[in-house]
Amino acid sequence: MKETFERVAEHFYKRQYQSAEGQWKTIFYARFVDWQGKRRMFPLGDSLADARDKLGELRTLNKGRYDFAKQKRERVKAKIKAMTLAEWLDRYLDLVKNTASYETKRAQSIPLKRLLGDLALSEINRVRVMEYKNRRLSENIIRHGEAVEGAQIKGSTANREVSCLITALNLAADEGLCEGAPRVKKEREIPRERILTEAEYKAIVDASPRWLQRVAIAANEAAIDRGVLLKLTWDCVQDGLLIIKGGRDKTGARQCVGISPALNDVLAELRAEYRRIPNMDKRVFSPRAGNLSPRTRYGAPSTRP
């Protein structure tokens, strides 16, 4: 598209451009630095006489220290007021759905939407976040859909949920939906030092059926979490090592675990079952072979005695 932009007089400019149909059109503009030192540019229409009159009005407003940005701020404020946290979190989750941390962020968003979801983004300040943390720390941990009596949400859990909130609010600020995330002090986190004693571990193994014994032995010997353990495939077992696909969930760092004699015995037993009853996913722990309970596979109560 052809166009020209030229100065007609002080603070007065003319733009001429050719439309897609080949017609030439003219629009006049005012361009000046206002009383606040900010460069402004306003369209004045296509009539020369009307454009000169509007330029005079703008000059008069500028001398009277008119707030040219007021209307824009009001539009932004109306836009901010219209968006609730629940609505923004849904959009935020859609933006991060292809990231490794998506499931974690989705889980963290559930209590955020429950306790703060009805608030407009502009209403979420430091006080609201502190109230949220206090309420969360007074709630019980939920396992399998039921509250665990006497086990309350830890400070580390509240910290991670608030971190998710701050990240989402900072992204909303980039979109012009809010002014920014509040600065919030983290809750004190107590490191996890409790581990099973040898007697406790032996009691669990002795009281478990064989399918559960093998899971317990593998978890104890390999020191990897349940999700990774149950996703293990036979190609992860190489040269006396368990090589975790994709590395650690949080960092992606390569993760290799040595196979101890006890774990090797379990793997030998599982491999024999795999050869007898293979599964298409090549899983080490396969419900089809009977080395996992129905609860582990489906989340339903086990039918085993």
C-alpha atoms as a PDB file:
ATOM      1  CA  MET A   1       0.000   0.000   0.000  1.00  0.00           C
ATOM      2  CA  LYS A   2       1.372   3.418  -1.001  1.00  0.00           C
ATOM      3  CA  GLU A   3       1.260   6.244   1.540  1.00  0.00           C
ATOM      4  CA  THR A   4       2.848   9.582   2.482  1.00  0.00           C
ATOM      5  CA  PHE A   5       3.092  11.364   5.815  1.00  0.00           C
ATOM      6  CA  GLU A   6       4.027  15.054   5.829  1.00  0.00           C
ATOM      7  CA  ARG A   7       4.082  18.008   8.191  1.00  0.00           C
ATOM      8  CA  VAL A   8       1.574  20.718   7.246  1.00  0.00           C
ATOM      9  CA  ALA A   9       2.175  23.094  10.151  1.00  0.00           C
ATOM     10  CA  GLU A  10       3.363  22.996  13.741  1.00  0.00           C
ATOM     11  CA  HIS A  11       1.800  19.934  15.442  1.00  0.00           C
ATOM     12  CA  PHE A  12      -0.284  19.346  12.285  1.00  0.00           C
ATOM     13  CA  TYR A  13       0.332  16.420   9.895  1.00  0.00           C
ATOM     14  CA  LYS A  14      -1.297  14.919   6.838  1.00  0.00           C
ATOM     15  CA  ARG A  15      -1.310  11.258   5.882  1.00  0.00           C
ATOM     16  CA  GLN A  16      -2.307  10.147   2.380  1.00  0.00           C
ATOM     17  CA  TYR A  17      -2.621   6.494   1.484  1.00  0.00           C
ATOM     18  CA  GLN A  18      -3.954   4.339  -1.342  1.00  0.00           C
ATOM     19  CA  SER A  19      -6.708   1.890  -0.458  1.00  0.00           C
ATOM     20  CA  ALA A  20      -6.978  -1.670  -1.756  1.00  0.00           C
ATOM     21  CA  GLU A  21      -9.389  -0.392  -4.404  1.00  0.00           C
ATOM     22  CA  GLY A  22      -6.769   2.090  -5.631  1.00  0.00           C
ATOM     23  CA  GLN A  23      -8.426   5.221  -4.202  1.00  0.00           C
ATOM     24  CA  TRP A  24      -6.333   7.853  -2.419  1.00  0.00           C
ATOM     25  CA  LYS A  25      -7.534   8.947   1.022  1.00  0.00           C
ATOM     26  CA  THR A  26      -6.406  11.660   3.423  1.00  0.00           C
ATOM     27  CA  ILE A  27      -6.402  11.778   7.233  1.00  0.00           C
ATOM     28  CA  PHE A  28      -5.032  14.641   9.353  1.00  0.00           C
ATOM     29  CA  TYR A  29      -3.242  14.118  12.679  1.00  0.00           C
ATOM     30  CA  ALA A  30      -2.173  16.193  15.654  1.00  0.00           C
ATOM     31  CA  ARG A  31       1.227  15.293  17.112  1.00  0.00           C
ATOM     32  CA  PHE A  32       2.776  17.086  20.096  1.00  0.00           C
ATOM     33  CA  VAL A  33       4.398  16.655  23.514  1.00  0.00           C
ATOM     34  CA  ASP A  34       1.818  17.270  26.249  1.00  0.00           C
ATOM     35  CA  TRP A  35       2.247  19.109  29.581  1.00  0.00           C
ATOM     36  CA  GLN A  36       3.383  15.846  31.224  1.00  0.00           C
ATOM     37  CA  GLY A  37       6.208  15.443  28.715  1.00  0.00           C
ATOM     38  CA  LYS A  38       4.528  12.528  26.892  1.00  0.00           C
ATOM     39  CA  ARG A  39       4.335  12.383  23.109  1.00  0.00           C
ATOM     40  CA  ARG A  40       0.736  12.308  21.897  1.00  0.00           C
ATOM     41  CA  MET A  41      -0.810  11.626  18.494  1.00  0.00           C
ATOM     42  CA  PHE A  42      -4.519  12.075  17.663  1.00  0.00           C
ATOM     43  CA  PRO A  43      -6.444  11.466  14.393  1.00  0.00           C
ATOM     44  CA  LEU A  44      -8.349  14.620  13.347  1.00  0.00           C
ATOM     45  CA  GLY A  45     -10.461  13.323  10.459  1.00  0.00           C
ATOM     46  CA  ASP A  46     -10.326  13.912   6.703  1.00  0.00           C
ATOM     47  CA  SER A  47     -11.659  17.498   6.609  1.00  0.00           C
ATOM     48  CA  LEU A  48      -8.954  20.184   6.686  1.00  0.00           C
ATOM     49  CA  ALA A  49     -11.183  22.801   8.351  1.00  0.00           C
ATOM     50  CA  ASP A  50     -12.481  20.395  11.013  1.00  0.00           C
ATOM     51  CA  ALA A  51      -8.960  19.105  11.615  1.00  0.00           C
ATOM     52  CA  ARG A  52      -7.663  22.636  12.302  1.00  0.00           C
ATOM     53  CA  ASP A  53     -10.525  23.247  14.767  1.00  0.00           C
ATOM     54  CA  LYS A  54      -9.838  19.982  16.634  1.00  0.00           C
ATOM     55  CA  LEU A  55      -6.131  20.804  16.796  1.00  0.00           C
ATOM     56  CA  GLY A  56      -7.009  24.105  18.441  1.00  0.00           C
ATOM     57  CA  GLU A  57      -9.199  22.297  20.990  1.00  0.00           C
ATOM     58  CA  LEU A  58      -6.378  19.880  21.831  1.00  0.00           C
ATOM     59  CA  ARG A  59      -3.944  22.758  22.333  1.00  0.00           C
ATOM     60  CA  THR A  60      -6.419  24.443  24.682  1.00  0.00           C
ATOM     61  CA  LEU A  61      -6.881  21.212  26.656  1.00  0.00           C
ATOM     62  CA  ASN A  62      -3.122  20.779  26.927  1.00  0.00           C
ATOM     63  CA  LYS A  63      -2.703  24.303  28.303  1.00  0.00           C
ATOM     64  CA  GLY A  64      -5.345  23.478  30.897  1.00  0.00           C
ATOM     65  CA  ARG A  65      -3.375  20.343  31.871  1.00  0.00           C
ATOM     66  CA  TYR A  66      -6.038  17.937  30.667  1.00  0.00           C
ATOM     67  CA  ASP A  67      -5.441  14.264  31.506  1.00  0.00           C
ATOM     68  CA  PHE A  68      -5.339  12.703  28.028  1.00  0.00           C
ATOM     69  CA  ALA A  69      -4.754   9.195  29.442  1.00  0.00           C
ATOM     70  CA  LYS A  70      -7.826   9.208  31.694  1.00  0.00           C
ATOM     71  CA  GLN A  71     -10.157   7.476  29.239  1.00  0.00           C
ATOM     72  CA  LYS A  72      -7.588   4.765  28.518  1.00  0.00           C
ATOM     73  CA  ARG A  73      -7.126   4.108  32.238  1.00  0.00           C
ATOM     74  CA  GLU A  74     -10.877   3.851  32.714  1.00  0.00           C
ATOM     75  CA  ARG A  75     -11.121   1.332  29.862  1.00  0.00           C
ATOM     76  CA  VAL A  76      -8.311  -0.723  31.380  1.00  0.00           C
ATOM     77  CA  LYS A  77      -9.934  -0.544  34.837  1.00  0.00           C
ATOM     78  CA  ALA A  78     -13.241  -1.773  33.408  1.00  0.00           C
ATOM     79  CA  LYS A  79     -11.422  -4.621  31.690  1.00  0.00           C
ATOM     80  CA  ILE A  80      -9.640  -5.522  34.924  1.00  0.00           C
ATOM     81  CA  LYS A  81     -12.874  -5.520  36.922  1.00  0.00           C
ATOM     82  CA  ALA A  82     -14.552  -7.853  34.454  1.00  0.00           C
ATOM     83  CA  MET A  83     -11.997 -10.690  34.831  1.00  0.00           C
ATOM     84  CA  THR A  84     -12.222 -12.940  37.902  1.00  0.00           C
ATOM     85  CA  LEU A  85      -9.380 -15.104  39.153  1.00  0.00           C
ATOM     86  CA  ALA A  86     -11.278 -18.295  38.272  1.00  0.00           C
ATOM     87  CA  GLU A  87     -11.709 -17.099  34.685  1.00  0.00           C
ATOM     88  CA  TRP A  88      -8.061 -16.105  34.398  1.00  0.00           C
ATOM     89  CA  LEU A  89      -6.783 -19.377  35.914  1.00  0.00           C
ATOM     90  CA  ASP A  90      -8.766 -21.326  33.312  1.00  0.00           C
ATOM     91  CA  ARG A  91      -7.095 -19.259  30.599  1.00  0.00           C
ATOM     92  CA  TYR A  92      -3.700 -19.528  32.307  1.00  0.00           C
ATOM     93  CA  LEU A  93      -3.956 -23.328  32.481  1.00  0.00           C
ATOM     94  CA  ASP A  94      -4.802 -23.412  28.799  1.00  0.00           C
ATOM     95  CA  LEU A  95      -1.629 -21.418  28.083  1.00  0.00           C
ATOM     96  CA  VAL A  96       0.602 -23.832  30.051  1.00  0.00           C
ATOM     97  CA  LYS A  97      -1.129 -27.085  29.057  1.00  0.00           C
ATOM     98  CA  ASN A  98       1.909 -28.282  27.073  1.00  0.00           C
ATOM     99  CA  THR A  99       4.426 -27.749  29.888  1.00  0.00           C
ATOM    100  CA  ALA A 100       5.811 -30.467  32.174  1.00  0.00           C
ATOM    101  CA  SER A 101       4.327 -28.761  35.236  1.00  0.00           C
ATOM    102  CA  TYR A 102       0.768 -28.551  33.864  1.00  0.00           C
ATOM    103  CA  GLU A 103      -0.745 -31.251  36.111  1.00  0.00           C
ATOM    104  CA  THR A 104       0.887 -29.697  39.189  1.00  0.00           C
ATOM    105  CA  LYS A 105      -0.434 -26.235  38.312  1.00  0.00           C
ATOM    106  CA  ARG A 106      -3.886 -27.656  37.610  1.00  0.00           C
ATOM    107  CA  ALA A 107      -3.970 -29.289  41.048  1.00  0.00           C
ATOM    108  CA  GLN A 108      -2.731 -26.088  42.722  1.00  0.00           C
ATOM    109  CA  SER A 109      -5.419 -24.069  40.944  1.00  0.00           C
ATOM    110  CA  ILE A 110      -8.269 -26.084  42.470  1.00  0.00           C
ATOM    111  CA  PRO A 111      -8.063 -24.582  46.002  1.00  0.00           C
ATOM    112  CA  LEU A 112      -7.174 -21.170  44.536  1.00  0.00           C
ATOM    113  CA  LYS A 113     -10.397 -21.116  42.529  1.00  0.00           C
ATOM    114  CA  ARG A 114     -12.394 -22.481  45.465  1.00  0.00           C
ATOM    115  CA  LEU A 115     -11.279 -19.808  47.933  1.00  0.00           C
ATOM    116  CA  LEU A 116     -10.396 -16.828  45.697  1.00  0.00           C
ATOM    117  CA  GLY A 117     -12.043 -17.595  42.363  1.00  0.00           C
ATOM    118  CA  ASP A 118     -14.935 -15.127  42.676  1.00  0.00           C
ATOM    119  CA  LEU A 119     -12.618 -12.157  43.279  1.00  0.00           C
ATOM    120  CA  ALA A 120     -11.697  -9.787  40.469  1.00  0.00           C
ATOM    121  CA  LEU A 121      -7.999  -9.799  39.614  1.00  0.00           C
ATOM    122  CA  SER A 122      -7.709  -6.216  40.870  1.00  0.00           C
ATOM    123  CA  GLU A 123      -9.021  -7.304  44.303  1.00  0.00           C
ATOM    124  CA  ILE A 124      -6.301  -9.877  44.958  1.00  0.00           C
ATOM    125  CA  ASN A 125      -3.862  -8.079  47.235  1.00  0.00           C
ATOM    126  CA  ARG A 126      -1.518  -9.049  50.052  1.00  0.00           C
ATOM    127  CA  VAL A 127      -4.319  -9.208  52.629  1.00  0.00           C
ATOM    128  CA  ARG A 128      -6.402 -11.560  50.455  1.00  0.00           C
ATOM    129  CA  VAL A 129      -3.407 -13.854  49.928  1.00  0.00           C
ATOM    130  CA  MET A 130      -2.646 -13.905  53.672  1.00  0.00           C
ATOM    131  CA  GLU A 131      -6.276 -14.807  54.376  1.00  0.00           C
ATOM    132  CA  TYR A 132      -6.032 -17.566  51.776  1.00  0.00           C
ATOM    133  CA  LYS A 133      -2.924 -19.024  53.411  1.00  0.00           C
ATOM    134  CA  ASN A 134      -4.531 -18.968  56.870  1.00  0.00           C
ATOM    135  CA  ARG A 135      -7.586 -20.795  55.593  1.00  0.00           C
ATOM    136  CA  ARG A 136      -5.503 -23.386  53.742  1.00  0.00           C
ATOM    137  CA  LEU A 137      -3.288 -24.070  56.767  1.00  0.00           C
ATOM    138  CA  SER A 138      -6.421 -24.777  58.832  1.00  0.00           C
ATOM    139  CA  GLU A 139      -7.787 -27.317  56.311  1.00  0.00           C
ATOM    140  CA  ASN A 140      -7.167 -31.047  56.458  1.00  0.00           C
ATOM    141  CA  ILE A 141      -5.250 -32.980  53.815  1.00  0.00           C
ATOM    142  CA  ILE A 142      -7.570 -34.766  51.360  1.00  0.00           C
ATOM    143  CA  ARG A 143      -6.691 -38.321  50.361  1.00  0.00           C
ATOM    144  CA  HIS A 144      -8.877 -40.399  48.046  1.00  0.00           C
ATOM    145  CA  GLY A 145     -11.597 -37.765  48.321  1.00  0.00           C
ATOM    146  CA  GLU A 146     -11.749 -37.805  52.129  1.00  0.00           C
ATOM    147  CA  ALA A 147     -10.285 -35.476  54.771  1.00  0.00           C
ATOM    148  CA  VAL A 148      -7.526 -37.023  56.879  1.00  0.00           C
ATOM    149  CA  GLU A 149      -8.310 -36.350  60.530  1.00  0.00           C
ATOM    150  CA  GLY A 150      -5.482 -34.575  62.352  1.00  0.00           C
ATOM    151  CA  ALA A 151      -3.389 -34.036  59.186  1.00  0.00           C
ATOM    152  CA  GLN A 152      -3.473 -30.405  58.097  1.00  0.00           C
ATOM    153  CA  ILE A 153      -2.100 -28.696  55.007  1.00  0.00           C
ATOM    154  CA  LYS A 154       1.612 -27.985  55.367  1.00  0.00           C
ATOM    155  CA  GLY A 155       3.311 -24.623  54.823  1.00  0.00           C
ATOM    156  CA  SER A 156       5.157 -26.030  51.808  1.00  0.00           C
ATOM    157  CA  THR A 157       1.854 -26.842  50.101  1.00  0.00           C
ATOM    158  CA  ALA A 158       0.486 -23.338  50.755  1.00  0.00           C
ATOM    159  CA  ASN A 159       3.750 -21.825  49.459  1.00  0.00           C
ATOM    160  CA  ARG A 160       3.523 -23.727  46.183  1.00  0.00           C
ATOM    161  CA  GLU A 161      -0.115 -22.761  45.665  1.00  0.00           C
ATOM    162  CA  VAL A 162       0.686 -19.089  46.295  1.00  0.00           C
ATOM    163  CA  SER A 163       3.666 -19.328  43.921  1.00  0.00           C
ATOM    164  CA  CYS A 164       1.286 -20.628  41.243  1.00  0.00           C
ATOM    165  CA  LEU A 165      -1.035 -17.689  41.976  1.00  0.00           C
ATOM    166  CA  ILE A 166       1.819 -15.145  41.755  1.00  0.00           C
ATOM    167  CA  THR A 167       3.007 -16.586  38.435  1.00  0.00           C
ATOM    168  CA  ALA A 168      -0.523 -16.419  37.004  1.00  0.00           C
ATOM    169  CA  LEU A 169      -1.020 -12.828  38.228  1.00  0.00           C
ATOM    170  CA  ASN A 170       2.296 -11.679  36.758  1.00  0.00           C
ATOM    171  CA  LEU A 171       1.225 -13.072  33.397  1.00  0.00           C
ATOM    172  CA  ALA A 172      -2.145 -11.319  33.774  1.00  0.00           C
ATOM    173  CA  ALA A 173      -0.248  -8.070  34.422  1.00  0.00           C
ATOM    174  CA  ASP A 174       1.630  -8.563  31.151  1.00  0.00           C
ATOM    175  CA  GLU A 175      -1.775  -8.745  29.455  1.00  0.00           C
ATOM    176  CA  GLY A 176      -2.864  -5.514  31.152  1.00  0.00           C
ATOM    177  CA  LEU A 177      -5.500  -7.314  33.223  1.00  0.00           C
ATOM    178  CA  CYS A 178      -4.105  -6.241  36.601  1.00  0.00           C
ATOM    179  CA  GLU A 179      -1.372  -4.058  38.000  1.00  0.00           C
ATOM    180  CA  GLY A 180       0.793  -6.942  39.213  1.00  0.00           C
ATOM    181  CA  ALA A 181       1.103  -9.626  41.847  1.00  0.00           C
ATOM    182  CA  PRO A 182       1.309  -8.727  45.559  1.00  0.00           C
ATOM    183  CA  ARG A 183       4.537  -9.404  47.440  1.00  0.00           C
ATOM    184  CA  VAL A 184       3.888 -12.147  49.974  1.00  0.00           C
ATOM    185  CA  LYS A 185       6.151 -13.718  52.582  1.00  0.00           C
ATOM    186  CA  LYS A 186       6.452 -17.490  52.346  1.00  0.00           C
ATOM    187  CA  GLU A 187       5.348 -19.798  55.125  1.00  0.00           C
ATOM    188  CA  ARG A 188       8.074 -21.564  57.077  1.00  0.00           C
ATOM    189  CA  GLU A 189       8.667 -25.028  55.641  1.00  0.00           C
ATOM    190  CA  ILE A 190       9.609 -27.966  57.843  1.00  0.00           C
ATOM    191  CA  PRO A 191      11.975 -30.397  56.075  1.00  0.00           C
ATOM    192  CA  ARG A 192      10.798 -33.983  55.805  1.00  0.00           C
ATOM    193  CA  GLU A 193      13.143 -36.106  57.928  1.00  0.00           C
ATOM    194  CA  ARG A 194      10.836 -38.988  58.867  1.00  0.00           C
ATOM    195  CA  ILE A 195      11.721 -42.304  57.219  1.00  0.00           C
ATOM    196  CA  LEU A 196      10.669 -45.868  57.915  1.00  0.00           C
ATOM    197  CA  THR A 197      12.697 -47.765  60.443  1.00  0.00           C
ATOM    198  CA  GLU A 198      13.935 -51.240  59.525  1.00  0.00           C
ATOM    199  CA  ALA A 199      11.343 -52.761  61.847  1.00  0.00           C
ATOM    200  CA  GLU A 200       8.507 -50.750  60.236  1.00  0.00           C
ATOM    201  CA  TYR A 201       9.662 -51.668  56.741  1.00  0.00           C
ATOM    202  CA  LYS A 202       9.887 -55.371  57.666  1.00  0.00           C
ATOM    203  CA  ALA A 203       6.404 -55.237  59.217  1.00  0.00           C
ATOM    204  CA  ILE A 204       4.946 -53.769  55.994  1.00  0.00           C
ATOM    205  CA  VAL A 205       6.621 -56.378  53.805  1.00  0.00           C
ATOM    206  CA  ASP A 206       5.640 -59.272  56.092  1.00  0.00           C
ATOM    207  CA  ALA A 207       1.992 -58.144  56.226  1.00  0.00           C
ATOM    208  CA  SER A 208       1.667 -57.610  52.438  1.00  0.00           C
ATOM    209  CA  PRO A 209       0.639 -60.010  49.675  1.00  0.00           C
ATOM    210  CA  ARG A 210       3.376 -60.812  47.172  1.00  0.00           C
ATOM    211  CA  TRP A 211       2.252 -58.242  44.562  1.00  0.00           C
ATOM    212  CA  LEU A 212       2.497 -55.471  47.166  1.00  0.00           C
ATOM    213  CA  GLN A 213       5.766 -56.799  48.571  1.00  0.00           C
ATOM    214  CA  ARG A 214       7.406 -56.380  45.190  1.00  0.00           C
ATOM    215  CA  VAL A 215       6.188 -52.794  44.887  1.00  0.00           C
ATOM    216  CA  ALA A 216       7.384 -51.992  48.419  1.00  0.00           C
ATOM    217  CA  ILE A 217      10.796 -53.568  47.841  1.00  0.00           C
ATOM    218  CA  ALA A 218      11.255 -51.733  44.532  1.00  0.00           C
ATOM    219  CA  ALA A 219      10.220 -48.397  46.067  1.00  0.00           C
ATOM    220  CA  ASN A 220      12.528 -48.900  49.046  1.00  0.00           C
ATOM    221  CA  GLU A 221      15.538 -50.055  47.038  1.00  0.00           C
ATOM    222  CA  ALA A 222      15.219 -47.601  44.119  1.00  0.00           C
ATOM    223  CA  ALA A 223      14.046 -44.575  46.172  1.00  0.00           C
ATOM    224  CA  ILE A 224      11.840 -43.259  43.352  1.00  0.00           C
ATOM    225  CA  ASP A 225       8.271 -42.047  43.707  1.00  0.00           C
ATOM    226  CA  ARG A 226       5.208 -44.139  42.975  1.00  0.00           C
ATOM    227  CA  GLY A 227       4.330 -42.422  39.695  1.00  0.00           C
ATOM    228  CA  VAL A 228       7.759 -43.059  38.188  1.00  0.00           C
ATOM    229  CA  LEU A 229       7.869 -46.584  39.582  1.00  0.00           C
ATOM    230  CA  LEU A 230       4.556 -47.609  38.035  1.00  0.00           C
ATOM    231  CA  LYS A 231       5.538 -46.120  34.656  1.00  0.00           C
ATOM    232  CA  LEU A 232       8.763 -48.116  34.436  1.00  0.00           C
ATOM    233  CA  THR A 233       9.123 -50.098  31.217  1.00  0.00           C
ATOM    234  CA  TRP A 234      11.561 -52.900  30.546  1.00  0.00           C
ATOM    235  CA  ASP A 235      13.739 -50.758  28.299  1.00  0.00           C
ATOM    236  CA  CYS A 236      14.509 -48.653  31.410  1.00  0.00           C
ATOM    237  CA  VAL A 237      16.351 -51.651  32.894  1.00  0.00           C
ATOM    238  CA  GLN A 238      19.859 -51.529  31.396  1.00  0.00           C
ATOM    239  CA  ASP A 239      23.238 -52.842  32.532  1.00  0.00           C
ATOM    240  CA  GLY A 240      22.416 -53.024  36.220  1.00  0.00           C
ATOM    241  CA  LEU A 241      20.694 -49.624  36.249  1.00  0.00           C
ATOM    242  CA  LEU A 242      17.189 -48.196  36.154  1.00  0.00           C
ATOM    243  CA  ILE A 243      17.355 -45.322  33.640  1.00  0.00           C
ATOM    244  CA  ILE A 244      14.338 -43.059  34.153  1.00  0.00           C
ATOM    245  CA  LYS A 245      12.799 -41.824  30.902  1.00  0.00           C
ATOM    246  CA  GLY A 246      12.728 -38.051  30.673  1.00  0.00           C
ATOM    247  CA  GLY A 247      14.774 -37.662  33.858  1.00  0.00           C
ATOM    248  CA  ARG A 248      13.441 -36.064  37.019  1.00  0.00           C
ATOM    249  CA  ASP A 249       9.921 -34.659  36.733  1.00  0.00           C
ATOM    250  CA  LYS A 250      10.795 -31.193  38.061  1.00  0.00           C
ATOM    251  CA  THR A 251      14.213 -30.597  36.503  1.00  0.00           C
ATOM    252  CA  GLY A 252      14.455 -33.023  33.586  1.00  0.00           C
ATOM    253  CA  ALA A 253      17.916 -34.022  34.834  1.00  0.00           C
ATOM    254  CA  ARG A 254      19.076 -37.515  33.839  1.00  0.00           C
ATOM    255  CA  GLN A 255      18.225 -40.004  36.585  1.00  0.00           C
ATOM    256  CA  CYS A 256      19.872 -43.408  36.935  1.00  0.00           C
ATOM    257  CA  VAL A 257      19.352 -45.754  39.886  1.00  0.00           C
ATOM    258  CA  GLY A 258      21.550 -48.725  40.719  1.00  0.00           C
ATOM    259  CA  ILE A 259      19.865 -52.125  40.992  1.00  0.00           C
ATOM    260  CA  SER A 260      20.526 -53.724  44.381  1.00  0.00           C
ATOM    261  CA  PRO A 261      20.474 -57.520  44.914  1.00  0.00           C
ATOM    262  CA  ALA A 262      17.012 -57.318  46.531  1.00  0.00           C
ATOM    263  CA  LEU A 263      15.645 -55.252  43.641  1.00  0.00           C
ATOM    264  CA  ASN A 264      17.334 -57.564  41.133  1.00  0.00           C
ATOM    265  CA  ASP A 265      15.477 -60.543  42.628  1.00  0.00           C
ATOM    266  CA  VAL A 266      12.160 -58.716  42.262  1.00  0.00           C
ATOM    267  CA  LEU A 267      12.940 -57.717  38.665  1.00  0.00           C
ATOM    268  CA  ALA A 268      13.884 -61.291  37.794  1.00  0.00           C
ATOM    269  CA  GLU A 269      10.528 -62.492  39.118  1.00  0.00           C
ATOM    270  CA  LEU A 270       8.653 -59.755  37.248  1.00  0.00           C
ATOM    271  CA  ARG A 271      10.552 -60.444  34.013  1.00  0.00           C
ATOM    272  CA  ALA A 272       9.599 -64.115  34.200  1.00  0.00           C
ATOM    273  CA  GLU A 273       5.934 -63.091  34.506  1.00  0.00           C
ATOM    274  CA  TYR A 274       6.328 -60.627  31.628  1.00  0.00           C
ATOM    275  CA  ARG A 275       7.671 -63.348  29.366  1.00  0.00           C
ATOM    276  CA  ARG A 276       4.729 -65.537  30.327  1.00  0.00           C
ATOM    277  CA  ILE A 277       2.068 -62.773  30.099  1.00  0.00           C
ATOM    278  CA  PRO A 278       3.489 -59.795  28.131  1.00  0.00           C
ATOM    279  CA  ASN A 279       1.742 -56.410  28.113  1.00  0.00           C
ATOM    280  CA  MET A 280       1.732 -54.056  25.132  1.00  0.00           C
ATOM    281  CA  ASP A 281       3.151 -51.118  27.137  1.00  0.00           C
ATOM    282  CA  LYS A 282       6.100 -53.240  28.301  1.00  0.00           C
ATOM    283  CA  ARG A 283       5.442 -52.143  31.881  1.00  0.00           C
ATOM    284  CA  VAL A 284       7.557 -53.675  34.633  1.00  0.00           C
ATOM    285  CA  PHE A 285       4.592 -53.563  37.027  1.00  0.00           C
ATOM    286  CA  SER A 286       1.612 -54.754  35.031  1.00  0.00           C
ATOM    287  CA  PRO A 287      -1.978 -55.216  36.333  1.00  0.00           C
ATOM    288  CA  ARG A 288      -2.545 -57.691  33.515  1.00  0.00           C
ATOM    289  CA  ALA A 289       0.124 -60.011  34.900  1.00  0.00           C
ATOM    290  CA  GLY A 290      -1.393 -59.730  38.370  1.00  0.00           C
ATOM    291  CA  ASN A 291       1.554 -57.910  39.946  1.00  0.00           C
ATOM    292  CA  LEU A 292      -0.510 -54.824  40.786  1.00  0.00           C
ATOM    293  CA  SER A 293      -3.797 -54.580  42.606  1.00  0.00           C
ATOM    294  CA  PRO A 294      -6.992 -53.295  40.910  1.00  0.00           C
ATOM    295  CA  ARG A 295      -6.816 -50.290  43.255  1.00  0.00           C
ATOM    296  CA  THR A 296      -3.377 -49.360  41.917  1.00  0.00           C
ATOM    297  CA  ARG A 297      -4.649 -49.548  38.373  1.00  0.00           C
ATOM    298  CA  TYR A 298      -8.144 -48.130  38.660  1.00  0.00           C
ATOM    299  CA  GLY A 299      -8.236 -46.324  42.000  1.00  0.00           C
ATOM    300  CA  ALA A 300     -10.928 -48.704  43.253  1.00  0.00           C
ATOM    301  CA  PRO A 301     -10.805 -50.855  46.425  1.00  0.00           C
ATOM    302  CA  SER A 302      -8.763 -54.009  46.020  1.00  0.00           C
ATOM    303  CA  THR A 303     -10.571 -57.324  45.700  1.00  0.00           C
ATOM    304  CA  ARG A 304      -7.600 -59.207  47.096  1.00  0.00           C
ATOM    305  CA  PRO A 305      -7.925 -60.599  50.634  1.00  0.00           C
END
